[in-house]
């Protein structure tokens, strides 16, 4: 994910003007995403300001440290519009620690150890799937939570199908790797 563009989007939507507000809005709008650190927010804002995509609009003090207000510039709106219009290409290479770990397990472990790893991983995925399903069915869940849970569930479901298929192939795969 491109944090600067998410911050531009939050500023464009008018949901935040200070770094603290942007962090809170990020957490609310992307509840299942990797948490964003305050330092990352401020570093991104500094780069966006340097590039003319946001501008500081003032400072205020509300019983704490100074808070700088930011607004998206016309150049920032144009950059955000361009970014939104770019189609995300599917990754050209498979890059997954799950796949890597299975491959290494097949290289260095016996069939039973590889199966045990796959079974444990399948259990961890299933547990997370149940947690996300609970998020979706919670009457207090916001649409942001539901959309994020749907996205994560689809990926977990794909991983679970792959884990199931791989468990069925472990013995053949192990023989091929050690041939």
C-alpha atoms as a PDB file:
ATOM      1  CA  UNK A   1       0.000   0.000   0.000  1.00  0.00           C
ATOM      2  CA  UNK A   2       1.159   3.476  -0.704  1.00  0.00           C
ATOM      3  CA  UNK A   3       0.827   5.408   2.535  1.00  0.00           C
ATOM      4  CA  UNK A   4       1.331   8.880   1.006  1.00  0.00           C
ATOM      5  CA  UNK A   5      -1.630   8.373  -1.332  1.00  0.00           C
ATOM      6  CA  UNK A   6      -3.837   7.111   1.471  1.00  0.00           C
ATOM      7  CA  UNK A   7      -2.943  10.235   3.443  1.00  0.00           C
ATOM      8  CA  UNK A   8      -3.733  12.390   0.396  1.00  0.00           C
ATOM      9  CA  UNK A   9      -7.071  10.627   0.112  1.00  0.00           C
ATOM     10  CA  UNK A  10      -7.879  11.229   3.765  1.00  0.00           C
ATOM     11  CA  UNK A  11      -7.001  14.903   3.393  1.00  0.00           C
ATOM     12  CA  UNK A  12      -9.052  15.163   0.189  1.00  0.00           C
ATOM     13  CA  UNK A  13     -12.036  13.568   1.943  1.00  0.00           C
ATOM     14  CA  UNK A  14     -11.783  16.198   4.669  1.00  0.00           C
ATOM     15  CA  UNK A  15     -11.653  13.618   7.434  1.00  0.00           C
ATOM     16  CA  UNK A  16      -8.454  14.929   8.989  1.00  0.00           C
ATOM     17  CA  UNK A  17      -6.111  17.910   9.006  1.00  0.00           C
ATOM     18  CA  UNK A  18      -3.403  17.045  11.585  1.00  0.00           C
ATOM     19  CA  UNK A  19      -1.010  14.118  11.640  1.00  0.00           C
ATOM     20  CA  UNK A  20      -2.768  12.730  14.713  1.00  0.00           C
ATOM     21  CA  UNK A  21      -6.149  12.963  12.950  1.00  0.00           C
ATOM     22  CA  UNK A  22      -4.730  11.300   9.842  1.00  0.00           C
ATOM     23  CA  UNK A  23      -3.416   8.383  11.900  1.00  0.00           C
ATOM     24  CA  UNK A  24      -6.803   7.972  13.593  1.00  0.00           C
ATOM     25  CA  UNK A  25      -8.670   8.205  10.253  1.00  0.00           C
ATOM     26  CA  UNK A  26      -6.290   5.639   8.738  1.00  0.00           C
ATOM     27  CA  UNK A  27      -6.953   3.232  11.614  1.00  0.00           C
ATOM     28  CA  UNK A  28     -10.713   3.704  11.220  1.00  0.00           C
ATOM     29  CA  UNK A  29     -10.817   3.377   7.421  1.00  0.00           C
ATOM     30  CA  UNK A  30      -8.286   0.533   7.109  1.00  0.00           C
ATOM     31  CA  UNK A  31      -9.001  -1.474  10.260  1.00  0.00           C
ATOM     32  CA  UNK A  32      -7.421  -4.723   9.068  1.00  0.00           C
ATOM     33  CA  UNK A  33      -4.338  -3.111   7.504  1.00  0.00           C
ATOM     34  CA  UNK A  34      -0.914  -3.070   9.075  1.00  0.00           C
ATOM     35  CA  UNK A  35      -0.931  -0.342  11.740  1.00  0.00           C
ATOM     36  CA  UNK A  36       0.522   2.969  10.681  1.00  0.00           C
ATOM     37  CA  UNK A  37       3.078   4.519  13.033  1.00  0.00           C
ATOM     38  CA  UNK A  38       2.886   8.213  13.876  1.00  0.00           C
ATOM     39  CA  UNK A  39       6.449   8.610  12.644  1.00  0.00           C
ATOM     40  CA  UNK A  40       5.420   7.224   9.265  1.00  0.00           C
ATOM     41  CA  UNK A  41       2.544   9.722   9.087  1.00  0.00           C
ATOM     42  CA  UNK A  42       4.795  12.700   9.802  1.00  0.00           C
ATOM     43  CA  UNK A  43       7.591  11.502   7.508  1.00  0.00           C
ATOM     44  CA  UNK A  44       5.052  11.036   4.704  1.00  0.00           C
ATOM     45  CA  UNK A  45       3.529  14.469   5.344  1.00  0.00           C
ATOM     46  CA  UNK A  46       6.987  16.047   5.173  1.00  0.00           C
ATOM     47  CA  UNK A  47       7.683  14.363   1.805  1.00  0.00           C
ATOM     48  CA  UNK A  48       4.235  15.327   0.483  1.00  0.00           C
ATOM     49  CA  UNK A  49       4.839  18.946   1.532  1.00  0.00           C
ATOM     50  CA  UNK A  50       8.308  18.914  -0.021  1.00  0.00           C
ATOM     51  CA  UNK A  51       6.789  17.651  -3.284  1.00  0.00           C
ATOM     52  CA  UNK A  52       4.049  20.302  -3.222  1.00  0.00           C
ATOM     53  CA  UNK A  53       1.209  17.791  -2.802  1.00  0.00           C
ATOM     54  CA  UNK A  54       0.120  19.132   0.593  1.00  0.00           C
ATOM     55  CA  UNK A  55       0.623  22.488   2.264  1.00  0.00           C
ATOM     56  CA  UNK A  56       0.770  23.428   5.917  1.00  0.00           C
ATOM     57  CA  UNK A  57      -2.209  25.643   6.682  1.00  0.00           C
ATOM     58  CA  UNK A  58      -1.465  26.616  10.260  1.00  0.00           C
ATOM     59  CA  UNK A  59      -0.514  25.517  13.713  1.00  0.00           C
ATOM     60  CA  UNK A  60      -2.513  25.249  16.872  1.00  0.00           C
ATOM     61  CA  UNK A  61      -1.909  24.073  20.376  1.00  0.00           C
ATOM     62  CA  UNK A  62      -4.686  22.250  22.193  1.00  0.00           C
ATOM     63  CA  UNK A  63      -3.192  21.586  25.602  1.00  0.00           C
ATOM     64  CA  UNK A  64      -0.316  19.610  24.091  1.00  0.00           C
ATOM     65  CA  UNK A  65       2.354  19.943  21.450  1.00  0.00           C
ATOM     66  CA  UNK A  66       1.895  22.175  18.425  1.00  0.00           C
ATOM     67  CA  UNK A  67      -0.225  20.581  15.733  1.00  0.00           C
ATOM     68  CA  UNK A  68       0.344  21.525  12.134  1.00  0.00           C
ATOM     69  CA  UNK A  69      -2.721  21.534   9.905  1.00  0.00           C
ATOM     70  CA  UNK A  70      -2.377  20.292   6.333  1.00  0.00           C
ATOM     71  CA  UNK A  71      -4.470  20.633   3.201  1.00  0.00           C
ATOM     72  CA  UNK A  72      -4.159  18.848  -0.097  1.00  0.00           C
ATOM     73  CA  UNK A  73      -3.016  21.087  -2.959  1.00  0.00           C
ATOM     74  CA  UNK A  74      -4.266  21.077  -6.542  1.00  0.00           C
ATOM     75  CA  UNK A  75      -1.115  19.168  -7.480  1.00  0.00           C
ATOM     76  CA  UNK A  76      -1.908  16.697  -4.703  1.00  0.00           C
ATOM     77  CA  UNK A  77      -5.456  16.209  -6.022  1.00  0.00           C
ATOM     78  CA  UNK A  78      -4.080  15.612  -9.521  1.00  0.00           C
ATOM     79  CA  UNK A  79      -1.506  13.093  -8.219  1.00  0.00           C
ATOM     80  CA  UNK A  80      -4.205  11.338  -6.168  1.00  0.00           C
ATOM     81  CA  UNK A  81      -6.517  11.196  -9.196  1.00  0.00           C
ATOM     82  CA  UNK A  82      -3.705   9.721 -11.328  1.00  0.00           C
ATOM     83  CA  UNK A  83      -2.876   7.126  -8.662  1.00  0.00           C
ATOM     84  CA  UNK A  84      -6.499   6.044  -8.273  1.00  0.00           C
ATOM     85  CA  UNK A  85      -6.759   5.643 -12.053  1.00  0.00           C
ATOM     86  CA  UNK A  86      -3.730   3.340 -12.297  1.00  0.00           C
ATOM     87  CA  UNK A  87      -4.673  -0.325 -12.561  1.00  0.00           C
ATOM     88  CA  UNK A  88      -2.854  -2.483 -10.020  1.00  0.00           C
ATOM     89  CA  UNK A  89      -1.119  -5.197 -11.982  1.00  0.00           C
ATOM     90  CA  UNK A  90      -1.113  -8.675 -10.476  1.00  0.00           C
ATOM     91  CA  UNK A  91       2.275  -9.477  -9.006  1.00  0.00           C
ATOM     92  CA  UNK A  92       4.524 -10.983 -11.690  1.00  0.00           C
ATOM     93  CA  UNK A  93       6.232 -13.295  -9.200  1.00  0.00           C
ATOM     94  CA  UNK A  94       4.972 -15.402  -6.358  1.00  0.00           C
ATOM     95  CA  UNK A  95       6.316 -13.854  -3.195  1.00  0.00           C
ATOM     96  CA  UNK A  96       5.074 -15.533  -0.070  1.00  0.00           C
ATOM     97  CA  UNK A  97       6.792 -16.605   3.103  1.00  0.00           C
ATOM     98  CA  UNK A  98       4.205 -19.395   3.290  1.00  0.00           C
ATOM     99  CA  UNK A  99       5.297 -20.808  -0.091  1.00  0.00           C
ATOM    100  CA  UNK A 100       8.974 -20.364   0.790  1.00  0.00           C
ATOM    101  CA  UNK A 101       8.574 -22.160   4.102  1.00  0.00           C
ATOM    102  CA  UNK A 102       6.783 -25.091   2.466  1.00  0.00           C
ATOM    103  CA  UNK A 103       9.516 -25.389  -0.172  1.00  0.00           C
ATOM    104  CA  UNK A 104      12.244 -25.349   2.463  1.00  0.00           C
ATOM    105  CA  UNK A 105      10.363 -27.868   4.599  1.00  0.00           C
ATOM    106  CA  UNK A 106      10.215 -30.204   1.615  1.00  0.00           C
ATOM    107  CA  UNK A 107      13.941 -29.718   0.979  1.00  0.00           C
ATOM    108  CA  UNK A 108      15.182 -30.321   4.510  1.00  0.00           C
ATOM    109  CA  UNK A 109      12.463 -32.252   6.321  1.00  0.00           C
ATOM    110  CA  UNK A 110      10.759 -35.555   5.857  1.00  0.00           C
ATOM    111  CA  UNK A 111       7.204 -35.958   4.551  1.00  0.00           C
ATOM    112  CA  UNK A 112       5.721 -36.168   8.063  1.00  0.00           C
ATOM    113  CA  UNK A 113       7.387 -32.936   9.198  1.00  0.00           C
ATOM    114  CA  UNK A 114       6.245 -31.122   6.054  1.00  0.00           C
ATOM    115  CA  UNK A 115       2.692 -32.403   6.591  1.00  0.00           C
ATOM    116  CA  UNK A 116       2.785 -31.344  10.244  1.00  0.00           C
ATOM    117  CA  UNK A 117       3.851 -27.830   9.222  1.00  0.00           C
ATOM    118  CA  UNK A 118       1.112 -27.602   6.588  1.00  0.00           C
ATOM    119  CA  UNK A 119      -1.497 -28.887   9.041  1.00  0.00           C
ATOM    120  CA  UNK A 120      -0.447 -26.366  11.703  1.00  0.00           C
ATOM    121  CA  UNK A 121      -0.486 -23.576   9.138  1.00  0.00           C
ATOM    122  CA  UNK A 122      -3.933 -24.618   7.951  1.00  0.00           C
ATOM    123  CA  UNK A 123      -5.147 -24.477  11.560  1.00  0.00           C
ATOM    124  CA  UNK A 124      -3.726 -20.960  12.010  1.00  0.00           C
ATOM    125  CA  UNK A 125      -5.431 -19.814   8.806  1.00  0.00           C
ATOM    126  CA  UNK A 126      -8.718 -21.397   9.882  1.00  0.00           C
ATOM    127  CA  UNK A 127      -8.543 -19.653  13.253  1.00  0.00           C
ATOM    128  CA  UNK A 128      -7.976 -16.288  11.578  1.00  0.00           C
ATOM    129  CA  UNK A 129     -10.815 -17.006   9.158  1.00  0.00           C
ATOM    130  CA  UNK A 130     -13.189 -17.562  12.100  1.00  0.00           C
ATOM    131  CA  UNK A 131     -12.021 -14.300  13.710  1.00  0.00           C
ATOM    132  CA  UNK A 132     -12.685 -12.351  10.529  1.00  0.00           C
ATOM    133  CA  UNK A 133     -16.061 -14.009  10.043  1.00  0.00           C
ATOM    134  CA  UNK A 134     -16.977 -12.860  13.554  1.00  0.00           C
ATOM    135  CA  UNK A 135     -16.014  -9.305  12.568  1.00  0.00           C
ATOM    136  CA  UNK A 136     -18.347  -9.499   9.568  1.00  0.00           C
ATOM    137  CA  UNK A 137     -21.277 -10.795  11.597  1.00  0.00           C
ATOM    138  CA  UNK A 138     -20.876  -8.343  14.479  1.00  0.00           C
ATOM    139  CA  UNK A 139     -23.945  -6.062  14.457  1.00  0.00           C
ATOM    140  CA  UNK A 140     -21.710  -3.152  15.487  1.00  0.00           C
ATOM    141  CA  UNK A 141     -19.295  -3.700  12.573  1.00  0.00           C
ATOM    142  CA  UNK A 142     -18.806  -0.729  10.296  1.00  0.00           C
ATOM    143  CA  UNK A 143     -18.678  -1.085   6.546  1.00  0.00           C
ATOM    144  CA  UNK A 144     -14.914  -0.387   6.685  1.00  0.00           C
ATOM    145  CA  UNK A 145     -14.504  -3.429   8.952  1.00  0.00           C
ATOM    146  CA  UNK A 146     -16.677  -5.619   6.736  1.00  0.00           C
ATOM    147  CA  UNK A 147     -14.936  -4.662   3.478  1.00  0.00           C
ATOM    148  CA  UNK A 148     -11.501  -5.254   5.036  1.00  0.00           C
ATOM    149  CA  UNK A 149     -12.633  -8.575   6.499  1.00  0.00           C
ATOM    150  CA  UNK A 150     -14.022  -9.666   3.111  1.00  0.00           C
ATOM    151  CA  UNK A 151     -10.673  -8.899   1.482  1.00  0.00           C
ATOM    152  CA  UNK A 152      -8.711 -10.812   4.115  1.00  0.00           C
ATOM    153  CA  UNK A 153     -11.161 -13.736   4.045  1.00  0.00           C
ATOM    154  CA  UNK A 154     -10.795 -14.097   0.277  1.00  0.00           C
ATOM    155  CA  UNK A 155      -6.999 -14.285   0.628  1.00  0.00           C
ATOM    156  CA  UNK A 156      -7.162 -16.704   3.541  1.00  0.00           C
ATOM    157  CA  UNK A 157      -9.612 -18.867   1.605  1.00  0.00           C
ATOM    158  CA  UNK A 158      -7.202 -19.020  -1.346  1.00  0.00           C
ATOM    159  CA  UNK A 159      -4.347 -19.950   1.006  1.00  0.00           C
ATOM    160  CA  UNK A 160      -6.491 -22.659   2.614  1.00  0.00           C
ATOM    161  CA  UNK A 161      -7.344 -24.168  -0.775  1.00  0.00           C
ATOM    162  CA  UNK A 162      -3.641 -24.133  -1.674  1.00  0.00           C
ATOM    163  CA  UNK A 163      -2.684 -25.690   1.679  1.00  0.00           C
ATOM    164  CA  UNK A 164      -5.271 -28.448   1.197  1.00  0.00           C
ATOM    165  CA  UNK A 165      -4.042 -29.204  -2.339  1.00  0.00           C
ATOM    166  CA  UNK A 166      -0.413 -29.130  -1.224  1.00  0.00           C
ATOM    167  CA  UNK A 167      -1.116 -31.517   1.656  1.00  0.00           C
ATOM    168  CA  UNK A 168      -2.453 -33.968  -0.918  1.00  0.00           C
ATOM    169  CA  UNK A 169       0.736 -33.607  -2.984  1.00  0.00           C
ATOM    170  CA  UNK A 170       3.373 -33.614  -0.236  1.00  0.00           C
ATOM    171  CA  UNK A 171       4.579 -37.187  -0.735  1.00  0.00           C
ATOM    172  CA  UNK A 172       4.833 -36.792  -4.527  1.00  0.00           C
ATOM    173  CA  UNK A 173       6.464 -33.388  -4.189  1.00  0.00           C
ATOM    174  CA  UNK A 174       8.945 -34.669  -1.613  1.00  0.00           C
ATOM    175  CA  UNK A 175       9.923 -37.577  -3.906  1.00  0.00           C
ATOM    176  CA  UNK A 176      10.426 -35.156  -6.797  1.00  0.00           C
ATOM    177  CA  UNK A 177      12.536 -32.755  -4.722  1.00  0.00           C
ATOM    178  CA  UNK A 178      14.756 -35.603  -3.469  1.00  0.00           C
ATOM    179  CA  UNK A 179      15.023 -37.477  -6.774  1.00  0.00           C
END
